[in-house]
Amino acid sequence: MHKRVLIQAAGALLALQFMAVPVFAAGSDSSGGGGGGTQTTTKCKKGEVWDKKKKKCVAPQEGMLDDDSIYDAGHDLAMAGRYDEAIAVLSLAANKQDPRILNYLGYSHRHSGRVTVGLGYYEEALRIDPNYTLVREYLGEAHLQIGDLAGAQQQLAEIEKRTGKGSREYGMLAEQIDHFMRS
């Protein structure tokens, strides 16, 4: 089954790289204003992104934003539960191999119910950066979503090996595994 999951996810990755993806909303202001809020989810209406340089919301086009801005916007949208918008924005990244971008594509697909696609993005991110423990936490949660306790425990062991039991990622995944085992 694992090979089939990876093949399906690889196909989805390939398709996304060549598709024109409509963008619904995005943007973030991580210019260090100290307030922690983002322009993405507070100022831009659907179909616009926050342009840090112009300091206003604009209709996005491929190549108009740098990958850091795309990551910030996609992350903010994903954390706000606006997964399809996050996917559309993250798909605009020039560097399709940025593990941060792949991680939040996986996160957004997984939370949209496309767990198999999410698994593929997580696996690709870890192929590029095996020490990215946030990906490992999310991958472990995805394994729990499909009932694969052993897969989740394997990711927990990998996180422990890299950061110890005191890391946020270890604690979050350990809690999810504990909850899974009790339910």
N, C-alpha and C. Protein backbone atom coordinates (compact mmCIF):
# COMPACT_ATOMS: atom_id res chain seq x y z
N MET A 1 0.82 -1.19 0.00
CA MET A 1 0.00 0.00 0.00
C MET A 1 0.86 1.26 0.00
N HIS A 2 2.01 1.21 0.73
CA HIS A 2 2.87 2.38 0.83
C HIS A 2 3.35 2.83 -0.56
N LYS A 3 3.72 1.87 -1.43
CA LYS A 3 4.18 2.24 -2.77
C LYS A 3 3.06 2.89 -3.57
N ARG A 4 1.83 2.36 -3.42
CA ARG A 4 0.71 2.94 -4.15
C ARG A 4 0.45 4.37 -3.69
N VAL A 5 0.54 4.61 -2.37
CA VAL A 5 0.34 5.95 -1.82
C VAL A 5 1.37 6.90 -2.40
N LEU A 6 2.63 6.48 -2.41
CA LEU A 6 3.69 7.34 -2.94
C LEU A 6 3.52 7.59 -4.44
N ILE A 7 3.11 6.57 -5.19
CA ILE A 7 2.91 6.75 -6.62
C ILE A 7 1.76 7.72 -6.88
N GLN A 8 0.67 7.58 -6.14
CA GLN A 8 -0.46 8.51 -6.30
C GLN A 8 -0.05 9.93 -5.93
N ALA A 9 0.68 10.07 -4.84
CA ALA A 9 1.10 11.39 -4.40
C ALA A 9 2.09 12.00 -5.38
N ALA A 10 3.00 11.19 -5.90
CA ALA A 10 3.96 11.70 -6.89
C ALA A 10 3.23 12.20 -8.13
N GLY A 11 2.20 11.48 -8.52
CA GLY A 11 1.40 11.92 -9.67
C GLY A 11 0.72 13.24 -9.39
N ALA A 12 0.22 13.40 -8.18
CA ALA A 12 -0.42 14.66 -7.81
C ALA A 12 0.59 15.80 -7.79
N LEU A 13 1.79 15.53 -7.27
CA LEU A 13 2.84 16.55 -7.28
C LEU A 13 3.18 16.97 -8.70
N LEU A 14 3.35 16.00 -9.57
CA LEU A 14 3.68 16.30 -10.96
C LEU A 14 2.58 17.11 -11.61
N ALA A 15 1.35 16.73 -11.38
CA ALA A 15 0.22 17.45 -11.97
C ALA A 15 0.17 18.88 -11.48
N LEU A 16 0.42 19.10 -10.19
CA LEU A 16 0.37 20.45 -9.64
C LEU A 16 1.45 21.34 -10.25
N GLN A 17 2.60 20.76 -10.55
CA GLN A 17 3.69 21.57 -11.09
C GLN A 17 3.36 22.11 -12.47
N PHE A 18 2.47 21.45 -13.19
CA PHE A 18 2.19 21.88 -14.55
C PHE A 18 0.81 22.49 -14.72
N MET A 19 0.05 22.58 -13.65
CA MET A 19 -1.30 23.14 -13.74
C MET A 19 -1.26 24.65 -13.50
N ALA A 20 -2.16 25.34 -14.16
CA ALA A 20 -2.41 26.72 -13.80
C ALA A 20 -3.38 26.67 -12.63
N VAL A 21 -2.99 27.26 -11.52
CA VAL A 21 -3.81 27.17 -10.32
C VAL A 21 -4.42 28.53 -10.02
N PRO A 22 -5.75 28.60 -9.92
CA PRO A 22 -6.34 29.88 -9.56
C PRO A 22 -6.01 30.22 -8.12
N VAL A 23 -5.80 31.48 -7.85
CA VAL A 23 -5.49 31.92 -6.50
C VAL A 23 -6.70 32.65 -5.94
N PHE A 24 -7.04 32.29 -4.72
CA PHE A 24 -8.23 32.85 -4.12
C PHE A 24 -7.93 33.95 -3.13
N ALA A 25 -6.89 33.82 -2.33
CA ALA A 25 -6.50 34.86 -1.38
C ALA A 25 -5.19 34.45 -0.74
N ALA A 26 -4.44 35.43 -0.29
CA ALA A 26 -3.22 35.14 0.44
C ALA A 26 -2.56 36.43 0.82
N GLY A 27 -1.40 36.27 1.44
CA GLY A 27 -0.58 37.41 1.78
C GLY A 27 -0.26 37.41 3.24
N SER A 28 0.86 37.99 3.57
CA SER A 28 1.24 38.03 4.96
C SER A 28 2.18 39.18 5.16
N ASP A 29 2.09 39.75 6.31
CA ASP A 29 3.03 40.80 6.64
C ASP A 29 3.89 40.30 7.77
N SER A 30 5.05 39.78 7.43
CA SER A 30 5.97 39.33 8.46
C SER A 30 7.13 40.30 8.55
N SER A 31 6.83 41.57 8.40
CA SER A 31 7.87 42.59 8.39
C SER A 31 8.33 42.97 9.78
N GLY A 32 7.86 42.20 10.78
CA GLY A 32 8.37 42.41 12.12
C GLY A 32 7.67 43.52 12.86
N GLY A 33 6.42 43.77 12.58
CA GLY A 33 5.71 44.83 13.24
C GLY A 33 5.42 44.56 14.70
N GLY A 34 5.73 43.37 15.18
CA GLY A 34 5.60 43.08 16.59
C GLY A 34 4.21 42.63 17.00
N GLY A 35 3.20 42.89 16.19
CA GLY A 35 1.85 42.54 16.59
C GLY A 35 1.51 41.09 16.33
N GLY A 36 2.24 40.41 15.45
CA GLY A 36 2.00 39.01 15.18
C GLY A 36 0.85 38.77 14.23
N GLY A 37 0.04 39.77 13.92
CA GLY A 37 -1.06 39.60 13.00
C GLY A 37 -0.56 39.57 11.57
N THR A 38 -1.40 39.09 10.67
CA THR A 38 -0.99 39.03 9.28
C THR A 38 -1.95 39.82 8.42
N GLN A 39 -1.41 40.34 7.35
CA GLN A 39 -2.24 41.05 6.38
C GLN A 39 -3.07 40.06 5.58
N THR A 40 -2.57 38.83 5.48
CA THR A 40 -3.22 37.78 4.69
C THR A 40 -4.68 37.62 5.04
N THR A 41 -4.91 37.36 6.28
CA THR A 41 -6.25 37.00 6.70
C THR A 41 -7.03 38.17 7.27
N THR A 42 -6.41 39.33 7.38
CA THR A 42 -7.13 40.46 7.97
C THR A 42 -7.45 41.58 6.99
N LYS A 43 -6.65 41.75 5.96
CA LYS A 43 -6.86 42.89 5.07
C LYS A 43 -7.24 42.53 3.64
N CYS A 44 -6.67 41.44 3.13
CA CYS A 44 -6.90 41.11 1.72
C CYS A 44 -8.21 40.36 1.56
N LYS A 45 -8.95 40.78 0.55
CA LYS A 45 -10.19 40.06 0.26
C LYS A 45 -9.87 38.86 -0.62
N LYS A 46 -10.84 37.99 -0.75
CA LYS A 46 -10.66 36.78 -1.54
C LYS A 46 -10.20 37.15 -2.95
N GLY A 47 -9.16 36.49 -3.41
CA GLY A 47 -8.62 36.76 -4.74
C GLY A 47 -7.45 37.72 -4.74
N GLU A 48 -7.01 38.16 -3.55
CA GLU A 48 -5.89 39.08 -3.45
C GLU A 48 -4.83 38.54 -2.49
N VAL A 49 -3.62 39.06 -2.63
CA VAL A 49 -2.52 38.73 -1.73
C VAL A 49 -1.89 40.02 -1.24
N TRP A 50 -1.24 39.95 -0.09
CA TRP A 50 -0.54 41.11 0.45
C TRP A 50 0.83 41.21 -0.21
N ASP A 51 1.11 42.33 -0.83
CA ASP A 51 2.41 42.60 -1.44
C ASP A 51 3.20 43.46 -0.46
N LYS A 52 4.25 42.88 0.12
CA LYS A 52 5.05 43.60 1.13
C LYS A 52 5.70 44.85 0.56
N LYS A 53 6.13 44.76 -0.69
CA LYS A 53 6.83 45.89 -1.29
C LYS A 53 5.88 47.06 -1.53
N LYS A 54 4.70 46.77 -2.04
CA LYS A 54 3.72 47.82 -2.34
C LYS A 54 2.89 48.18 -1.12
N LYS A 55 2.96 47.32 -0.08
CA LYS A 55 2.21 47.51 1.16
C LYS A 55 0.71 47.65 0.90
N LYS A 56 0.23 46.75 0.03
CA LYS A 56 -1.21 46.72 -0.23
C LYS A 56 -1.58 45.36 -0.82
N CYS A 57 -2.88 45.10 -0.85
CA CYS A 57 -3.38 43.87 -1.43
C CYS A 57 -3.44 44.01 -2.95
N VAL A 58 -3.01 42.96 -3.64
CA VAL A 58 -3.02 42.98 -5.11
C VAL A 58 -3.50 41.63 -5.61
N ALA A 59 -3.97 41.60 -6.85
CA ALA A 59 -4.34 40.33 -7.49
C ALA A 59 -3.04 39.61 -7.87
N PRO A 60 -2.84 38.38 -7.41
CA PRO A 60 -1.57 37.70 -7.64
C PRO A 60 -1.42 37.16 -9.05
N GLN A 61 -0.19 37.07 -9.47
CA GLN A 61 0.17 36.44 -10.73
C GLN A 61 1.44 35.66 -10.48
N GLU A 62 1.61 34.57 -11.20
CA GLU A 62 2.81 33.76 -11.02
C GLU A 62 4.04 34.61 -11.25
N GLY A 63 5.00 34.51 -10.33
CA GLY A 63 6.25 35.24 -10.45
C GLY A 63 6.24 36.62 -9.83
N MET A 64 5.09 37.09 -9.34
CA MET A 64 5.05 38.44 -8.80
C MET A 64 5.50 38.52 -7.35
N LEU A 65 5.45 37.39 -6.63
CA LEU A 65 5.86 37.35 -5.23
C LEU A 65 7.04 36.41 -5.07
N ASP A 66 7.93 36.73 -4.13
CA ASP A 66 9.04 35.83 -3.85
C ASP A 66 8.52 34.63 -3.06
N ASP A 67 9.28 33.56 -3.05
CA ASP A 67 8.84 32.33 -2.38
C ASP A 67 8.65 32.49 -0.88
N ASP A 68 9.42 33.38 -0.25
CA ASP A 68 9.21 33.61 1.18
C ASP A 68 7.84 34.21 1.44
N SER A 69 7.42 35.14 0.60
CA SER A 69 6.09 35.74 0.73
C SER A 69 5.01 34.71 0.45
N ILE A 70 5.26 33.87 -0.55
CA ILE A 70 4.29 32.81 -0.88
C ILE A 70 4.18 31.84 0.30
N TYR A 71 5.31 31.47 0.88
CA TYR A 71 5.29 30.58 2.04
C TYR A 71 4.51 31.23 3.19
N ASP A 72 4.82 32.48 3.51
CA ASP A 72 4.13 33.17 4.59
C ASP A 72 2.63 33.18 4.37
N ALA A 73 2.23 33.51 3.15
CA ALA A 73 0.80 33.58 2.83
C ALA A 73 0.16 32.21 2.92
N GLY A 74 0.80 31.19 2.34
CA GLY A 74 0.26 29.84 2.38
C GLY A 74 0.15 29.31 3.79
N HIS A 75 1.17 29.55 4.59
CA HIS A 75 1.16 29.14 5.99
C HIS A 75 0.00 29.81 6.73
N ASP A 76 -0.14 31.11 6.56
CA ASP A 76 -1.20 31.85 7.26
C ASP A 76 -2.58 31.34 6.86
N LEU A 77 -2.77 31.09 5.57
CA LEU A 77 -4.06 30.58 5.10
C LEU A 77 -4.33 29.18 5.64
N ALA A 78 -3.32 28.34 5.64
CA ALA A 78 -3.48 26.97 6.17
C ALA A 78 -3.84 27.01 7.65
N MET A 79 -3.15 27.85 8.41
CA MET A 79 -3.42 27.93 9.85
C MET A 79 -4.80 28.54 10.13
N ALA A 80 -5.32 29.30 9.18
CA ALA A 80 -6.66 29.87 9.32
C ALA A 80 -7.74 28.89 8.83
N GLY A 81 -7.32 27.70 8.39
CA GLY A 81 -8.28 26.70 7.92
C GLY A 81 -8.77 26.94 6.50
N ARG A 82 -8.08 27.78 5.76
CA ARG A 82 -8.45 28.10 4.38
C ARG A 82 -7.55 27.28 3.44
N TYR A 83 -7.74 25.96 3.50
CA TYR A 83 -6.81 25.03 2.88
C TYR A 83 -6.74 25.12 1.36
N ASP A 84 -7.87 25.23 0.68
CA ASP A 84 -7.82 25.30 -0.78
C ASP A 84 -7.14 26.58 -1.24
N GLU A 85 -7.35 27.67 -0.51
CA GLU A 85 -6.67 28.92 -0.84
C GLU A 85 -5.17 28.77 -0.60
N ALA A 86 -4.80 28.11 0.50
CA ALA A 86 -3.38 27.89 0.79
C ALA A 86 -2.72 27.09 -0.32
N ILE A 87 -3.40 26.04 -0.77
CA ILE A 87 -2.86 25.20 -1.85
C ILE A 87 -2.64 26.03 -3.11
N ALA A 88 -3.63 26.85 -3.44
CA ALA A 88 -3.51 27.68 -4.65
C ALA A 88 -2.33 28.62 -4.56
N VAL A 89 -2.14 29.25 -3.42
CA VAL A 89 -1.04 30.19 -3.24
C VAL A 89 0.30 29.47 -3.23
N LEU A 90 0.40 28.40 -2.44
CA LEU A 90 1.67 27.67 -2.34
C LEU A 90 2.09 27.10 -3.69
N SER A 91 1.14 26.80 -4.53
CA SER A 91 1.45 26.25 -5.86
C SER A 91 2.09 27.28 -6.78
N LEU A 92 2.08 28.55 -6.39
CA LEU A 92 2.72 29.60 -7.18
C LEU A 92 4.23 29.69 -6.94
N ALA A 93 4.74 28.97 -5.95
CA ALA A 93 6.16 29.06 -5.61
C ALA A 93 7.03 28.70 -6.81
N ALA A 94 8.09 29.45 -6.99
CA ALA A 94 9.03 29.16 -8.07
C ALA A 94 9.82 27.90 -7.76
N ASN A 95 10.21 27.74 -6.49
CA ASN A 95 10.98 26.57 -6.08
C ASN A 95 10.02 25.50 -5.60
N LYS A 96 9.70 24.58 -6.47
CA LYS A 96 8.76 23.50 -6.15
C LYS A 96 9.37 22.46 -5.21
N GLN A 97 10.65 22.62 -4.87
CA GLN A 97 11.33 21.68 -3.99
C GLN A 97 11.64 22.29 -2.62
N ASP A 98 11.04 23.42 -2.29
CA ASP A 98 11.23 24.05 -0.98
C ASP A 98 10.47 23.22 0.05
N PRO A 99 11.18 22.61 1.01
CA PRO A 99 10.50 21.75 1.98
C PRO A 99 9.39 22.46 2.77
N ARG A 100 9.56 23.76 3.01
CA ARG A 100 8.51 24.50 3.73
C ARG A 100 7.23 24.55 2.91
N ILE A 101 7.38 24.79 1.61
CA ILE A 101 6.23 24.85 0.71
C ILE A 101 5.58 23.46 0.64
N LEU A 102 6.40 22.43 0.45
CA LEU A 102 5.89 21.06 0.37
C LEU A 102 5.16 20.67 1.67
N ASN A 103 5.70 21.08 2.81
CA ASN A 103 5.09 20.77 4.09
C ASN A 103 3.67 21.34 4.17
N TYR A 104 3.50 22.60 3.83
CA TYR A 104 2.17 23.18 3.96
C TYR A 104 1.23 22.79 2.82
N LEU A 105 1.78 22.36 1.69
CA LEU A 105 0.92 21.73 0.69
C LEU A 105 0.39 20.41 1.24
N GLY A 106 1.28 19.64 1.89
CA GLY A 106 0.84 18.39 2.51
C GLY A 106 -0.19 18.63 3.60
N TYR A 107 0.07 19.60 4.45
CA TYR A 107 -0.82 19.94 5.55
C TYR A 107 -2.20 20.33 5.02
N SER A 108 -2.22 21.18 4.02
CA SER A 108 -3.49 21.68 3.48
C SER A 108 -4.27 20.58 2.77
N HIS A 109 -3.59 19.76 2.01
CA HIS A 109 -4.28 18.64 1.36
C HIS A 109 -4.82 17.67 2.40
N ARG A 110 -4.01 17.36 3.41
CA ARG A 110 -4.44 16.42 4.46
C ARG A 110 -5.67 16.94 5.18
N HIS A 111 -5.66 18.21 5.53
CA HIS A 111 -6.80 18.78 6.24
C HIS A 111 -8.02 18.98 5.34
N SER A 112 -7.81 18.93 4.04
CA SER A 112 -8.93 19.00 3.09
C SER A 112 -9.50 17.62 2.79
N GLY A 113 -8.96 16.60 3.44
CA GLY A 113 -9.45 15.24 3.26
C GLY A 113 -8.68 14.44 2.23
N ARG A 114 -7.66 15.03 1.63
CA ARG A 114 -6.84 14.32 0.64
C ARG A 114 -5.56 13.85 1.32
N VAL A 115 -5.71 12.91 2.25
CA VAL A 115 -4.60 12.46 3.07
C VAL A 115 -3.50 11.83 2.22
N THR A 116 -3.88 11.06 1.22
CA THR A 116 -2.91 10.39 0.36
C THR A 116 -2.03 11.42 -0.35
N VAL A 117 -2.62 12.47 -0.85
CA VAL A 117 -1.85 13.52 -1.51
C VAL A 117 -0.93 14.20 -0.50
N GLY A 118 -1.47 14.48 0.70
CA GLY A 118 -0.66 15.09 1.75
C GLY A 118 0.55 14.25 2.10
N LEU A 119 0.36 12.93 2.19
CA LEU A 119 1.48 12.03 2.49
C LEU A 119 2.60 12.18 1.47
N GLY A 120 2.23 12.30 0.21
CA GLY A 120 3.25 12.45 -0.84
C GLY A 120 4.06 13.72 -0.68
N TYR A 121 3.39 14.82 -0.34
CA TYR A 121 4.12 16.08 -0.13
C TYR A 121 5.06 15.97 1.07
N TYR A 122 4.59 15.36 2.16
CA TYR A 122 5.44 15.20 3.34
C TYR A 122 6.66 14.35 3.01
N GLU A 123 6.45 13.24 2.30
CA GLU A 123 7.56 12.36 1.94
C GLU A 123 8.59 13.09 1.08
N GLU A 124 8.10 13.90 0.15
CA GLU A 124 9.01 14.66 -0.71
C GLU A 124 9.80 15.68 0.12
N ALA A 125 9.14 16.36 1.04
CA ALA A 125 9.83 17.33 1.90
C ALA A 125 10.93 16.64 2.71
N LEU A 126 10.63 15.45 3.22
CA LEU A 126 11.63 14.72 4.02
C LEU A 126 12.74 14.15 3.16
N ARG A 127 12.46 13.86 1.91
CA ARG A 127 13.53 13.41 1.01
C ARG A 127 14.55 14.53 0.85
N ILE A 128 14.08 15.76 0.82
CA ILE A 128 14.95 16.93 0.65
C ILE A 128 15.63 17.30 1.97
N ASP A 129 14.86 17.25 3.07
CA ASP A 129 15.40 17.63 4.38
C ASP A 129 14.90 16.65 5.45
N PRO A 130 15.63 15.56 5.65
CA PRO A 130 15.20 14.53 6.60
C PRO A 130 15.13 15.01 8.05
N ASN A 131 15.73 16.16 8.35
CA ASN A 131 15.74 16.68 9.72
C ASN A 131 14.62 17.69 10.00
N TYR A 132 13.72 17.86 9.07
CA TYR A 132 12.63 18.83 9.23
C TYR A 132 11.57 18.18 10.12
N THR A 133 11.68 18.41 11.42
CA THR A 133 10.84 17.68 12.37
C THR A 133 9.37 18.11 12.34
N LEU A 134 9.07 19.32 11.91
CA LEU A 134 7.66 19.70 11.79
C LEU A 134 6.96 18.84 10.74
N VAL A 135 7.66 18.55 9.65
CA VAL A 135 7.10 17.64 8.64
C VAL A 135 6.87 16.27 9.27
N ARG A 136 7.82 15.82 10.05
CA ARG A 136 7.68 14.51 10.69
C ARG A 136 6.48 14.48 11.64
N GLU A 137 6.25 15.58 12.36
CA GLU A 137 5.07 15.63 13.23
C GLU A 137 3.79 15.50 12.40
N TYR A 138 3.69 16.31 11.35
CA TYR A 138 2.49 16.28 10.50
C TYR A 138 2.34 14.94 9.80
N LEU A 139 3.46 14.34 9.37
CA LEU A 139 3.41 13.03 8.73
C LEU A 139 2.89 11.98 9.72
N GLY A 140 3.34 12.07 10.96
CA GLY A 140 2.84 11.17 11.99
C GLY A 140 1.34 11.33 12.18
N GLU A 141 0.86 12.57 12.19
CA GLU A 141 -0.58 12.82 12.32
C GLU A 141 -1.34 12.24 11.13
N ALA A 142 -0.76 12.35 9.95
CA ALA A 142 -1.39 11.79 8.75
C ALA A 142 -1.49 10.26 8.87
N HIS A 143 -0.44 9.64 9.37
CA HIS A 143 -0.49 8.19 9.57
C HIS A 143 -1.61 7.82 10.54
N LEU A 144 -1.79 8.60 11.58
CA LEU A 144 -2.89 8.34 12.51
C LEU A 144 -4.24 8.49 11.82
N GLN A 145 -4.35 9.47 10.93
CA GLN A 145 -5.61 9.67 10.20
C GLN A 145 -6.01 8.45 9.40
N ILE A 146 -5.03 7.71 8.90
CA ILE A 146 -5.36 6.52 8.11
C ILE A 146 -5.25 5.24 8.94
N GLY A 147 -5.11 5.41 10.27
CA GLY A 147 -5.10 4.26 11.16
C GLY A 147 -3.77 3.54 11.28
N ASP A 148 -2.69 4.18 10.86
CA ASP A 148 -1.36 3.56 10.86
C ASP A 148 -0.58 4.01 12.09
N LEU A 149 -0.84 3.37 13.22
CA LEU A 149 -0.17 3.71 14.48
C LEU A 149 1.34 3.50 14.38
N ALA A 150 1.76 2.40 13.76
CA ALA A 150 3.19 2.11 13.64
C ALA A 150 3.91 3.21 12.85
N GLY A 151 3.28 3.71 11.80
CA GLY A 151 3.88 4.79 11.01
C GLY A 151 4.04 6.06 11.84
N ALA A 152 3.05 6.36 12.65
CA ALA A 152 3.12 7.54 13.53
C ALA A 152 4.21 7.37 14.57
N GLN A 153 4.30 6.18 15.15
CA GLN A 153 5.32 5.91 16.16
C GLN A 153 6.72 5.99 15.55
N GLN A 154 6.84 5.57 14.31
CA GLN A 154 8.14 5.66 13.63
C GLN A 154 8.56 7.13 13.49
N GLN A 155 7.62 8.00 13.15
CA GLN A 155 7.94 9.43 13.02
C GLN A 155 8.29 10.03 14.38
N LEU A 156 7.59 9.59 15.43
CA LEU A 156 7.90 10.06 16.78
C LEU A 156 9.33 9.67 17.17
N ALA A 157 9.73 8.45 16.84
CA ALA A 157 11.10 7.99 17.13
C ALA A 157 12.12 8.82 16.34
N GLU A 158 11.78 9.18 15.10
CA GLU A 158 12.69 9.99 14.28
C GLU A 158 12.82 11.40 14.86
N ILE A 159 11.72 11.95 15.37
CA ILE A 159 11.78 13.27 15.99
C ILE A 159 12.64 13.21 17.25
N GLU A 160 12.42 12.17 18.06
CA GLU A 160 13.21 12.02 19.30
C GLU A 160 14.69 11.92 18.98
N LYS A 161 15.04 11.17 17.94
CA LYS A 161 16.44 10.99 17.55
C LYS A 161 17.07 12.34 17.17
N ARG A 162 16.28 13.23 16.58
CA ARG A 162 16.82 14.49 16.08
C ARG A 162 16.77 15.62 17.12
N THR A 163 15.73 15.65 17.95
CA THR A 163 15.56 16.81 18.85
C THR A 163 15.33 16.43 20.30
N GLY A 164 15.15 15.16 20.58
CA GLY A 164 14.87 14.73 21.94
C GLY A 164 13.39 14.83 22.26
N LYS A 165 13.07 14.42 23.48
CA LYS A 165 11.67 14.39 23.89
C LYS A 165 11.15 15.76 24.31
N GLY A 166 12.02 16.74 24.42
CA GLY A 166 11.60 18.06 24.89
C GLY A 166 11.10 18.99 23.80
N SER A 167 11.18 18.58 22.54
CA SER A 167 10.78 19.50 21.46
C SER A 167 9.26 19.60 21.35
N ARG A 168 8.81 20.70 20.81
CA ARG A 168 7.39 20.93 20.59
C ARG A 168 6.81 19.84 19.69
N GLU A 169 7.52 19.51 18.61
CA GLU A 169 7.05 18.51 17.66
C GLU A 169 6.87 17.15 18.32
N TYR A 170 7.85 16.78 19.18
CA TYR A 170 7.75 15.50 19.88
C TYR A 170 6.51 15.51 20.77
N GLY A 171 6.35 16.56 21.54
CA GLY A 171 5.21 16.64 22.46
C GLY A 171 3.87 16.60 21.75
N MET A 172 3.77 17.30 20.65
CA MET A 172 2.50 17.35 19.90
C MET A 172 2.16 15.98 19.33
N LEU A 173 3.13 15.32 18.70
CA LEU A 173 2.85 14.02 18.11
C LEU A 173 2.62 12.96 19.19
N ALA A 174 3.39 13.01 20.27
CA ALA A 174 3.18 12.06 21.37
C ALA A 174 1.76 12.19 21.93
N GLU A 175 1.29 13.42 22.04
CA GLU A 175 -0.08 13.66 22.53
C GLU A 175 -1.11 13.08 21.56
N GLN A 176 -0.90 13.28 20.26
CA GLN A 176 -1.82 12.74 19.25
C GLN A 176 -1.83 11.21 19.28
N ILE A 177 -0.66 10.61 19.44
CA ILE A 177 -0.58 9.14 19.50
C ILE A 177 -1.30 8.64 20.75
N ASP A 178 -1.08 9.31 21.87
CA ASP A 178 -1.75 8.92 23.11
C ASP A 178 -3.27 8.99 22.95
N HIS A 179 -3.74 10.06 22.37
CA HIS A 179 -5.18 10.23 22.13
C HIS A 179 -5.71 9.13 21.21
N PHE A 180 -4.95 8.82 20.16
CA PHE A 180 -5.34 7.78 19.21
C PHE A 180 -5.46 6.43 19.93
N MET A 181 -4.51 6.13 20.78
CA MET A 181 -4.49 4.84 21.47
C MET A 181 -5.63 4.74 22.51
N ARG A 182 -6.04 5.86 23.06
CA ARG A 182 -7.13 5.86 24.04
C ARG A 182 -8.51 5.81 23.39
N SER A 183 -8.60 6.16 22.12
CA SER A 183 -9.92 6.21 21.48
C SER A 183 -10.27 4.93 20.74
